Amino acid sequence: MTAAQTVDEIQAILDRLRGEVIATLQVLGINSLKSTSPLPEAVVGDAVERASVESRLVSISTSLHVIVFDLQRTGKLVWLENAQPYVMVAGASRPTVRLLLASGQGLDLTEPAKTKRVTVTVTTRA
């Protein structure tokens, strides 16, 4: 089993998000979405104001919303230089979540096992 990403490794990836505009938030893991209102589509067009990690909880804040990813023990962030919406392909492993940015870059949240434990919660900022 590969070692879990450190907080510093995760934060280095998250630092790239600041100022980026969200194009799409795809929640691909069954049972990963833990909120129903607002839906992930609500964050489309939002600019990322800050992104941080604490105790494997990743928080991405925009002016209108907060997206929280719980990486659990084995979740990993992978930066994508050229991101496209995920399309099912036989034999390819599916990310649990894909965050696409208007710049064409993106971020995958992946897990090594078939049992998906990474969770996603989208809330409206007060």
C-alpha atoms as a PDB file:
ATOM      1  CA  MET A   1       0.000   0.000   0.000  1.00  0.00           C
ATOM      2  CA  THR A   2       1.315   3.450  -0.842  1.00  0.00           C
ATOM      3  CA  ALA A   3       1.854   5.936   1.952  1.00  0.00           C
ATOM      4  CA  ALA A   4      -0.855   8.515   2.565  1.00  0.00           C
ATOM      5  CA  GLN A   5      -0.167  12.039   1.354  1.00  0.00           C
ATOM      6  CA  THR A   6       1.099  14.373   4.026  1.00  0.00           C
ATOM      7  CA  VAL A   7      -0.751  17.551   4.964  1.00  0.00           C
ATOM      8  CA  ASP A   8       2.068  19.549   3.312  1.00  0.00           C
ATOM      9  CA  GLU A   9       1.751  17.565   0.063  1.00  0.00           C
ATOM     10  CA  ILE A  10      -2.004  18.081   0.025  1.00  0.00           C
ATOM     11  CA  GLN A  11      -1.701  21.810   0.804  1.00  0.00           C
ATOM     12  CA  ALA A  12       0.834  22.277  -2.016  1.00  0.00           C
ATOM     13  CA  ILE A  13      -1.761  20.940  -4.462  1.00  0.00           C
ATOM     14  CA  LEU A  14      -4.561  22.996  -2.918  1.00  0.00           C
ATOM     15  CA  ASP A  15      -2.514  26.210  -3.197  1.00  0.00           C
ATOM     16  CA  ARG A  16      -2.860  25.931  -6.987  1.00  0.00           C
ATOM     17  CA  LEU A  17      -6.641  26.332  -6.717  1.00  0.00           C
ATOM     18  CA  ARG A  18      -6.709  29.891  -5.370  1.00  0.00           C
ATOM     19  CA  GLY A  19      -8.313  32.248  -7.887  1.00  0.00           C
ATOM     20  CA  GLU A  20      -9.379  29.417 -10.196  1.00  0.00           C
ATOM     21  CA  VAL A  21     -12.988  29.282 -11.402  1.00  0.00           C
ATOM     22  CA  ILE A  22     -14.860  25.999 -10.984  1.00  0.00           C
ATOM     23  CA  ALA A  23     -16.190  24.587 -14.265  1.00  0.00           C
ATOM     24  CA  THR A  24     -17.630  21.298 -12.945  1.00  0.00           C
ATOM     25  CA  LEU A  25     -17.693  19.220  -9.782  1.00  0.00           C
ATOM     26  CA  GLN A  26     -18.236  15.554 -10.668  1.00  0.00           C
ATOM     27  CA  VAL A  27     -19.022  13.282  -7.714  1.00  0.00           C
ATOM     28  CA  LEU A  28     -18.453   9.823  -9.198  1.00  0.00           C
ATOM     29  CA  GLY A  29     -18.269   7.627  -6.109  1.00  0.00           C
ATOM     30  CA  ILE A  30     -21.491   5.894  -5.149  1.00  0.00           C
ATOM     31  CA  ASN A  31     -22.663   7.246  -1.787  1.00  0.00           C
ATOM     32  CA  SER A  32     -19.848   9.845  -1.696  1.00  0.00           C
ATOM     33  CA  LEU A  33     -22.108  12.902  -1.817  1.00  0.00           C
ATOM     34  CA  LYS A  34     -23.272  13.603   1.733  1.00  0.00           C
ATOM     35  CA  SER A  35     -25.315  16.742   1.047  1.00  0.00           C
ATOM     36  CA  THR A  36     -28.357  17.254  -1.165  1.00  0.00           C
ATOM     37  CA  SER A  37     -28.745  21.001  -1.086  1.00  0.00           C
ATOM     38  CA  PRO A  38     -27.081  22.701  -2.713  1.00  0.00           C
ATOM     39  CA  LEU A  39     -26.204  20.196  -5.427  1.00  0.00           C
ATOM     40  CA  PRO A  40     -22.631  20.055  -6.803  1.00  0.00           C
ATOM     41  CA  GLU A  41     -23.778  22.009  -9.885  1.00  0.00           C
ATOM     42  CA  ALA A  42     -24.308  25.048  -7.646  1.00  0.00           C
ATOM     43  CA  VAL A  43     -20.552  25.685  -7.406  1.00  0.00           C
ATOM     44  CA  VAL A  44     -20.100  26.047 -11.190  1.00  0.00           C
ATOM     45  CA  GLY A  45     -18.770  29.542 -11.920  1.00  0.00           C
ATOM     46  CA  ASP A  46     -17.562  30.123  -8.351  1.00  0.00           C
ATOM     47  CA  ALA A  47     -13.982  31.348  -7.895  1.00  0.00           C
ATOM     48  CA  VAL A  48     -11.893  29.611  -5.246  1.00  0.00           C
ATOM     49  CA  GLU A  49     -10.989  32.056  -2.472  1.00  0.00           C
ATOM     50  CA  ARG A  50      -9.085  29.627  -0.275  1.00  0.00           C
ATOM     51  CA  ALA A  51      -8.342  25.942   0.110  1.00  0.00           C
ATOM     52  CA  SER A  52      -6.932  24.217   3.165  1.00  0.00           C
ATOM     53  CA  VAL A  53      -6.468  20.830   4.789  1.00  0.00           C
ATOM     54  CA  GLU A  54      -6.673  19.799   8.425  1.00  0.00           C
ATOM     55  CA  SER A  55      -6.747  16.208   9.682  1.00  0.00           C
ATOM     56  CA  ARG A  56      -7.343  14.933   6.116  1.00  0.00           C
ATOM     57  CA  LEU A  57     -10.387  17.187   5.729  1.00  0.00           C
ATOM     58  CA  VAL A  58      -9.987  19.349   2.626  1.00  0.00           C
ATOM     59  CA  SER A  59     -11.983  22.581   2.557  1.00  0.00           C
ATOM     60  CA  ILE A  60     -12.427  24.679  -0.590  1.00  0.00           C
ATOM     61  CA  SER A  61     -14.171  28.021  -0.063  1.00  0.00           C
ATOM     62  CA  THR A  62     -15.706  30.310  -2.660  1.00  0.00           C
ATOM     63  CA  SER A  63     -17.662  33.500  -2.042  1.00  0.00           C
ATOM     64  CA  LEU A  64     -20.904  31.483  -2.027  1.00  0.00           C
ATOM     65  CA  HIS A  65     -20.071  27.897  -1.051  1.00  0.00           C
ATOM     66  CA  VAL A  66     -17.814  25.602   0.941  1.00  0.00           C
ATOM     67  CA  ILE A  67     -16.884  22.175  -0.427  1.00  0.00           C
ATOM     68  CA  VAL A  68     -15.471  19.699   2.090  1.00  0.00           C
ATOM     69  CA  PHE A  69     -13.787  16.446   1.097  1.00  0.00           C
ATOM     70  CA  ASP A  70     -13.037  13.894   3.801  1.00  0.00           C
ATOM     71  CA  LEU A  71     -10.063  11.918   2.491  1.00  0.00           C
ATOM     72  CA  GLN A  72     -10.376   9.297   5.239  1.00  0.00           C
ATOM     73  CA  ARG A  73      -7.216   7.170   5.515  1.00  0.00           C
ATOM     74  CA  THR A  74      -6.398   6.464   1.883  1.00  0.00           C
ATOM     75  CA  GLY A  75      -7.818   9.280  -0.250  1.00  0.00           C
ATOM     76  CA  LYS A  76      -5.348  11.132  -2.445  1.00  0.00           C
ATOM     77  CA  LEU A  77      -5.360  14.380  -4.441  1.00  0.00           C
ATOM     78  CA  VAL A  78      -3.998  14.264  -7.988  1.00  0.00           C
ATOM     79  CA  TRP A  79      -3.444  17.484  -9.957  1.00  0.00           C
ATOM     80  CA  LEU A  80      -4.485  17.325 -13.627  1.00  0.00           C
ATOM     81  CA  GLU A  81      -2.760  19.674 -16.069  1.00  0.00           C
ATOM     82  CA  ASN A  82      -5.298  18.907 -18.814  1.00  0.00           C
ATOM     83  CA  ALA A  83      -8.600  17.911 -17.257  1.00  0.00           C
ATOM     84  CA  GLN A  84     -11.694  16.721 -19.067  1.00  0.00           C
ATOM     85  CA  PRO A  85     -15.022  15.555 -17.666  1.00  0.00           C
ATOM     86  CA  TYR A  86     -14.742  11.916 -16.628  1.00  0.00           C
ATOM     87  CA  VAL A  87     -16.198   9.440 -19.127  1.00  0.00           C
ATOM     88  CA  MET A  88     -16.546   5.754 -18.235  1.00  0.00           C
ATOM     89  CA  VAL A  89     -13.874   3.671 -20.000  1.00  0.00           C
ATOM     90  CA  ALA A  90     -13.544  -0.094 -19.607  1.00  0.00           C
ATOM     91  CA  GLY A  91     -10.458  -1.038 -17.610  1.00  0.00           C
ATOM     92  CA  ALA A  92      -9.729   2.491 -16.369  1.00  0.00           C
ATOM     93  CA  SER A  93     -10.045   3.294 -12.693  1.00  0.00           C
ATOM     94  CA  ARG A  94     -12.607   5.966 -11.904  1.00  0.00           C
ATOM     95  CA  PRO A  95     -11.784   8.835  -9.534  1.00  0.00           C
ATOM     96  CA  THR A  96     -14.160   9.323  -6.631  1.00  0.00           C
ATOM     97  CA  VAL A  97     -14.414  13.048  -7.403  1.00  0.00           C
ATOM     98  CA  ARG A  98     -13.198  15.232 -10.272  1.00  0.00           C
ATOM     99  CA  LEU A  99     -13.050  19.019  -9.938  1.00  0.00           C
ATOM    100  CA  LEU A 100     -12.685  20.728 -13.315  1.00  0.00           C
ATOM    101  CA  LEU A 101     -11.499  24.319 -13.579  1.00  0.00           C
ATOM    102  CA  ALA A 102     -12.256  26.904 -16.258  1.00  0.00           C
ATOM    103  CA  SER A 103      -8.503  27.091 -16.989  1.00  0.00           C
ATOM    104  CA  GLY A 104      -8.592  23.493 -18.272  1.00  0.00           C
ATOM    105  CA  GLN A 105      -6.779  22.104 -15.250  1.00  0.00           C
ATOM    106  CA  GLY A 106      -8.356  20.064 -12.506  1.00  0.00           C
ATOM    107  CA  LEU A 107      -8.121  17.857  -9.481  1.00  0.00           C
ATOM    108  CA  ASP A 108      -8.984  14.196  -8.921  1.00  0.00           C
ATOM    109  CA  LEU A 109      -9.694  12.620  -5.560  1.00  0.00           C
ATOM    110  CA  THR A 110      -8.741   8.980  -5.824  1.00  0.00           C
ATOM    111  CA  GLU A 111      -8.742   5.911  -3.612  1.00  0.00           C
ATOM    112  CA  PRO A 112      -6.830   2.651  -4.022  1.00  0.00           C
ATOM    113  CA  ALA A 113      -9.693   0.302  -3.155  1.00  0.00           C
ATOM    114  CA  LYS A 114     -13.071  -0.333  -4.717  1.00  0.00           C
ATOM    115  CA  THR A 115     -14.796   0.548  -1.455  1.00  0.00           C
ATOM    116  CA  LYS A 116     -15.150   4.316  -1.710  1.00  0.00           C
ATOM    117  CA  ARG A 117     -14.834   6.142   1.589  1.00  0.00           C
ATOM    118  CA  VAL A 118     -14.004   9.696   0.468  1.00  0.00           C
ATOM    119  CA  THR A 119     -17.010  11.930   1.097  1.00  0.00           C
ATOM    120  CA  VAL A 120     -18.129  15.265  -0.351  1.00  0.00           C
ATOM    121  CA  THR A 121     -20.277  17.903   1.327  1.00  0.00           C
ATOM    122  CA  VAL A 122     -21.344  21.152  -0.355  1.00  0.00           C
ATOM    123  CA  THR A 123     -22.797  23.914   1.800  1.00  0.00           C
ATOM    124  CA  THR A 124     -23.858  27.505   1.236  1.00  0.00           C
ATOM    125  CA  ARG A 125     -21.761  30.071   3.092  1.00  0.00           C
ATOM    126  CA  ALA A 126     -23.627  32.043   5.693  1.00  0.00           C
END
